[in-house]
Amino acid sequence: MNSPTPRMRAIITGASSGIGEATALAFAKAGIDVALVSRSFKKLEAVAKAAKATGEIEAKAYQLDLSQLDSIVTQIEAIASDFGPIDILVNNAGMAYTNDLKDTSLADWQQVLDLNLTSVFQCVLGVLPQMRDRGSGTIINIASIAASTPFPGWGAYNVSKAGLVAFSKTLAAEERSNGIRVVTISPGAVNTPIWDTDTVRADLNRNSMLNAQSVASVILQAALLPQEAVVEETIVMPSAGTL
């Protein structure tokens, strides 16, 4: 009698709301166990409960502040050790920031790059050794259309996302021979709570934006491709176009 095929296991950062929450629920419905990472443990627990309600999967909340760069690698390693071998890492956590470059302080610039780019680098280092040992793994980085279409007033954000795309391409080139797939998904405007944060000043029609579930469906499709295939770059735009 054949033993059952083990379920895939994923770490999703920024999983307490928006695209991360939607991805957690989409993965759970597809039978993928999810380790949920964010600063808000209370919100994560609610998402974990909703994920478990979708079927017989494991969902667990892990509180982690990705702005604390020095501790990310060891904490991601600890999550992987506790939750089990990680097949998929979704680097979704990030922040939006609006300001002209001439008005952007060095502290703000660094904060945006630290969270949107450097924390992703550190999360990857937390799972890369075990993925290399197993000869498989999928790393999905959530960038933005701003990486290729820089918007005025979004300078630090544009740069952080362009850097993330370059990071992903380099990682893919270095790790594909080790069986590790690297995917970059660049959405256009998505209607999430990020528009309500203190660092964003923008008046856009949120009804014309993508919803988080649409982006999550693309992330899921990338994760479920057969191992011999990869879609390394995907741009997902609102059907209304750039807002």
Protein backbone atom coordinates (compact mmCIF):
# COMPACT_ATOMS: atom_id res chain seq x y z
CA MET A 1 0.00 0.00 0.00
CA ASN A 2 1.44 3.37 -1.00
CA SER A 3 1.86 6.00 1.70
CA PRO A 4 -0.09 9.23 1.11
CA THR A 5 1.73 12.06 -0.64
CA PRO A 6 2.76 14.63 1.97
CA ARG A 7 1.09 18.01 1.69
CA MET A 8 3.14 20.98 0.61
CA ARG A 9 4.06 23.47 3.31
CA ALA A 10 4.40 27.21 2.82
CA ILE A 11 5.57 30.26 4.72
CA ILE A 12 3.63 33.43 3.84
CA THR A 13 4.85 36.79 5.13
CA GLY A 14 2.50 39.70 5.61
CA ALA A 15 -0.25 37.13 6.09
CA SER A 16 -2.48 39.07 8.48
CA SER A 17 -4.32 41.07 5.80
CA GLY A 18 -4.56 41.91 2.11
CA ILE A 19 -2.74 39.76 -0.43
CA GLY A 20 -1.07 37.68 2.29
CA GLU A 21 -4.35 36.77 3.95
CA ALA A 22 -5.99 35.97 0.62
CA THR A 23 -3.01 33.81 -0.35
CA ALA A 24 -3.17 31.92 2.94
CA LEU A 25 -6.83 31.08 2.33
CA ALA A 26 -6.23 30.15 -1.31
CA PHE A 27 -3.36 27.86 -0.33
CA ALA A 28 -5.42 26.26 2.43
CA LYS A 29 -8.28 25.55 0.04
CA ALA A 30 -5.74 23.89 -2.28
CA GLY A 31 -4.54 21.65 0.56
CA ILE A 32 -1.28 23.46 1.33
CA ASP A 33 -0.25 23.82 4.98
CA VAL A 34 0.52 27.43 5.86
CA ALA A 35 2.87 29.09 8.35
CA LEU A 36 1.61 32.65 8.68
CA VAL A 37 4.04 35.47 9.47
CA SER A 38 3.27 39.04 10.50
CA ARG A 39 3.71 41.51 13.36
CA SER A 40 0.11 41.11 14.56
CA PHE A 41 -0.33 37.76 16.29
CA LYS A 42 -4.02 38.41 16.98
CA LYS A 43 -4.80 39.03 13.31
CA LEU A 44 -2.70 36.03 12.29
CA GLU A 45 -4.62 33.76 14.62
CA ALA A 46 -7.88 34.85 12.98
CA VAL A 47 -6.46 34.08 9.52
CA ALA A 48 -5.14 30.71 10.75
CA LYS A 49 -8.59 29.85 12.08
CA ALA A 50 -10.21 30.77 8.77
CA ALA A 51 -7.59 28.75 6.88
CA LYS A 52 -8.21 25.66 8.98
CA ALA A 53 -11.94 25.98 8.35
CA THR A 54 -11.37 25.48 4.62
CA GLY A 55 -10.26 21.86 5.01
CA GLU A 56 -7.93 19.38 6.66
CA ILE A 57 -4.78 21.48 6.61
CA GLU A 58 -2.40 22.85 9.20
CA ALA A 59 -2.21 26.60 9.73
CA LYS A 60 -0.06 28.23 12.38
CA ALA A 61 0.63 31.86 13.34
CA TYR A 62 4.15 33.16 13.93
CA GLN A 63 4.68 36.70 15.13
CA LEU A 64 7.71 38.26 13.48
CA ASP A 65 8.70 41.89 12.92
CA LEU A 66 10.50 41.95 9.58
CA SER A 67 11.90 45.41 10.28
CA GLN A 68 14.25 43.74 12.77
CA LEU A 69 16.66 42.58 10.09
CA ASP A 70 19.32 41.02 12.30
CA SER A 71 16.96 38.35 13.65
CA ILE A 72 15.05 37.37 10.51
CA VAL A 73 17.25 34.49 9.32
CA THR A 74 17.29 32.70 12.67
CA GLN A 75 13.55 33.22 13.19
CA ILE A 76 12.63 31.93 9.73
CA GLU A 77 14.91 28.94 10.33
CA ALA A 78 13.08 28.35 13.63
CA ILE A 79 9.70 28.52 11.90
CA ALA A 80 10.85 26.02 9.27
CA SER A 81 12.15 23.73 12.00
CA ASP A 82 8.90 23.93 13.96
CA PHE A 83 6.46 23.77 11.05
CA GLY A 84 8.29 21.28 8.89
CA PRO A 85 10.25 21.34 5.64
CA ILE A 86 9.20 24.39 3.63
CA ASP A 87 8.26 23.83 -0.01
CA ILE A 88 7.08 27.38 -0.76
CA LEU A 89 8.11 30.78 0.54
CA VAL A 90 5.84 33.71 -0.36
CA ASN A 91 7.55 37.02 0.37
CA ASN A 92 4.55 39.33 0.48
CA ALA A 93 5.23 41.63 3.44
CA GLY A 94 6.06 45.19 2.53
CA MET A 95 5.07 48.80 2.83
CA ALA A 96 3.96 51.57 0.50
CA TYR A 97 5.42 55.05 0.71
CA THR A 98 4.68 58.25 -1.16
CA ASN A 99 6.96 61.26 -1.31
CA ASP A 100 9.01 63.06 -3.92
CA LEU A 101 12.63 61.98 -3.83
CA LYS A 102 13.76 65.49 -2.89
CA ASP A 103 11.53 65.34 0.21
CA THR A 104 12.42 61.79 1.26
CA SER A 105 14.52 61.57 4.39
CA LEU A 106 17.35 59.08 4.63
CA ALA A 107 15.51 57.34 7.48
CA ASP A 108 12.35 56.92 5.38
CA TRP A 109 14.36 55.75 2.36
CA GLN A 110 16.12 53.14 4.48
CA GLN A 111 12.91 51.96 6.10
CA VAL A 112 11.29 51.29 2.72
CA LEU A 113 14.31 49.44 1.32
CA ASP A 114 14.80 47.47 4.53
CA LEU A 115 11.25 46.11 4.56
CA ASN A 116 10.55 45.75 0.84
CA LEU A 117 13.94 44.39 -0.22
CA THR A 118 16.41 43.51 2.53
CA SER A 119 13.89 41.59 4.65
CA VAL A 120 13.08 39.44 1.60
CA PHE A 121 16.78 38.67 1.19
CA GLN A 122 16.92 37.58 4.83
CA CYS A 123 13.75 35.47 4.63
CA VAL A 124 15.19 33.66 1.62
CA LEU A 125 18.40 32.90 3.51
CA GLY A 126 16.26 31.35 6.24
CA VAL A 127 14.87 28.64 3.92
CA LEU A 128 17.48 28.35 1.19
CA PRO A 129 19.81 25.79 2.85
CA GLN A 130 17.02 23.26 3.43
CA MET A 131 15.61 23.79 -0.06
CA ARG A 132 19.04 23.19 -1.55
CA ASP A 133 19.47 20.05 0.57
CA ARG A 134 16.15 18.70 -0.72
CA GLY A 135 16.78 19.81 -4.30
CA SER A 136 13.45 21.58 -4.59
CA GLY A 137 11.52 24.64 -3.49
CA THR A 138 9.56 27.60 -4.80
CA ILE A 139 10.23 31.19 -3.75
CA ILE A 140 7.58 33.71 -4.78
CA ASN A 141 8.38 37.41 -4.38
CA ILE A 142 5.60 39.98 -4.61
CA ALA A 143 6.92 43.05 -6.37
CA SER A 144 4.85 45.72 -8.16
CA ILE A 145 4.18 47.26 -11.54
CA ALA A 146 6.11 50.20 -10.04
CA ALA A 147 9.29 48.19 -10.62
CA SER A 148 8.97 48.68 -14.38
CA THR A 149 6.72 51.77 -14.50
CA PRO A 150 8.10 54.20 -11.92
CA PHE A 151 5.43 56.56 -10.64
CA PRO A 152 6.28 60.15 -9.62
CA GLY A 153 5.99 60.64 -5.88
CA TRP A 154 6.66 56.97 -5.18
CA GLY A 155 10.45 57.07 -5.55
CA ALA A 156 11.63 54.95 -2.63
CA TYR A 157 8.87 52.41 -3.30
CA ASN A 158 9.67 52.24 -7.02
CA VAL A 159 13.34 51.62 -6.26
CA SER A 160 12.61 48.97 -3.63
CA LYS A 161 10.41 46.99 -6.00
CA ALA A 162 12.82 47.32 -8.93
CA GLY A 163 15.53 46.03 -6.62
CA LEU A 164 13.30 43.11 -5.64
CA VAL A 165 12.86 42.15 -9.29
CA ALA A 166 16.63 42.25 -9.83
CA PHE A 167 17.13 40.21 -6.65
CA SER A 168 14.65 37.60 -7.88
CA LYS A 169 16.32 37.30 -11.28
CA THR A 170 19.73 36.87 -9.68
CA LEU A 171 18.44 34.30 -7.21
CA ALA A 172 16.77 32.36 -10.02
CA ALA A 173 20.01 32.29 -12.02
CA GLU A 174 21.98 31.07 -9.01
CA GLU A 175 19.55 28.47 -7.71
CA ARG A 176 17.75 26.89 -10.68
CA SER A 177 20.50 24.25 -10.92
CA ASN A 178 19.63 23.32 -7.33
CA GLY A 179 15.99 22.65 -8.25
CA ILE A 180 14.74 25.92 -6.73
CA ARG A 181 12.22 27.99 -8.66
CA VAL A 182 12.02 31.76 -8.17
CA VAL A 183 8.91 33.65 -9.22
CA THR A 184 8.27 37.40 -9.30
CA ILE A 185 4.67 38.58 -9.37
CA SER A 186 4.16 42.29 -10.03
CA PRO A 187 0.59 43.46 -9.45
CA GLY A 188 -0.86 46.76 -10.41
CA ALA A 189 -2.91 48.62 -7.81
CA VAL A 190 -4.60 46.24 -5.36
CA ASN A 191 -7.40 47.27 -3.00
CA THR A 192 -5.87 46.37 0.37
CA PRO A 193 -5.41 48.13 3.73
CA ILE A 194 -2.00 49.39 2.54
CA TRP A 195 -3.81 52.45 1.14
CA ASP A 196 -4.95 53.37 4.65
CA THR A 197 -1.46 53.47 6.16
CA ASP A 198 0.19 56.65 7.40
CA THR A 199 2.98 56.47 4.80
CA VAL A 200 0.64 56.69 1.80
CA ARG A 201 -0.96 59.84 0.44
CA ALA A 202 -2.83 58.92 -2.73
CA ASP A 203 -6.37 59.50 -3.92
CA LEU A 204 -7.17 56.69 -6.33
CA ASN A 205 -10.38 54.90 -7.22
CA ARG A 206 -10.10 51.75 -5.16
CA ASN A 207 -13.15 50.24 -6.86
CA SER A 208 -11.14 49.97 -10.08
CA MET A 209 -8.22 48.17 -8.42
CA LEU A 210 -7.49 44.46 -8.37
CA ASN A 211 -8.79 42.61 -5.34
CA ALA A 212 -6.47 40.57 -3.16
CA GLN A 213 -8.16 37.30 -4.13
CA SER A 214 -7.30 37.82 -7.81
CA VAL A 215 -3.62 38.26 -6.99
CA ALA A 216 -3.73 35.28 -4.62
CA SER A 217 -5.08 33.08 -7.42
CA VAL A 218 -2.06 33.96 -9.56
CA ILE A 219 0.30 33.20 -6.66
CA LEU A 220 -1.38 29.83 -6.18
CA GLN A 221 -1.11 28.99 -9.89
CA ALA A 222 2.62 29.76 -9.81
CA ALA A 223 3.11 27.57 -6.76
CA LEU A 224 1.23 24.61 -8.23
CA LEU A 225 3.00 24.44 -11.58
CA PRO A 226 4.69 21.08 -12.22
CA GLN A 227 8.21 21.04 -10.86
CA GLU A 228 9.74 21.08 -14.34
CA ALA A 229 8.00 24.39 -15.17
CA VAL A 230 8.24 27.93 -13.85
CA VAL A 231 6.74 31.27 -14.76
CA GLU A 232 9.55 33.49 -13.58
CA GLU A 233 7.82 36.86 -14.10
CA THR A 234 4.15 37.79 -14.12
CA ILE A 235 2.50 41.20 -14.28
CA VAL A 236 -1.11 41.29 -13.09
CA MET A 237 -3.01 44.49 -13.92
CA PRO A 238 -6.51 45.73 -13.19
CA SER A 239 -8.59 45.36 -16.34
CA ALA A 240 -9.15 49.13 -16.10
CA GLY A 241 -5.40 49.61 -16.62
CA THR A 242 -2.97 51.74 -14.62
CA LEU A 243 -4.92 53.98 -12.27
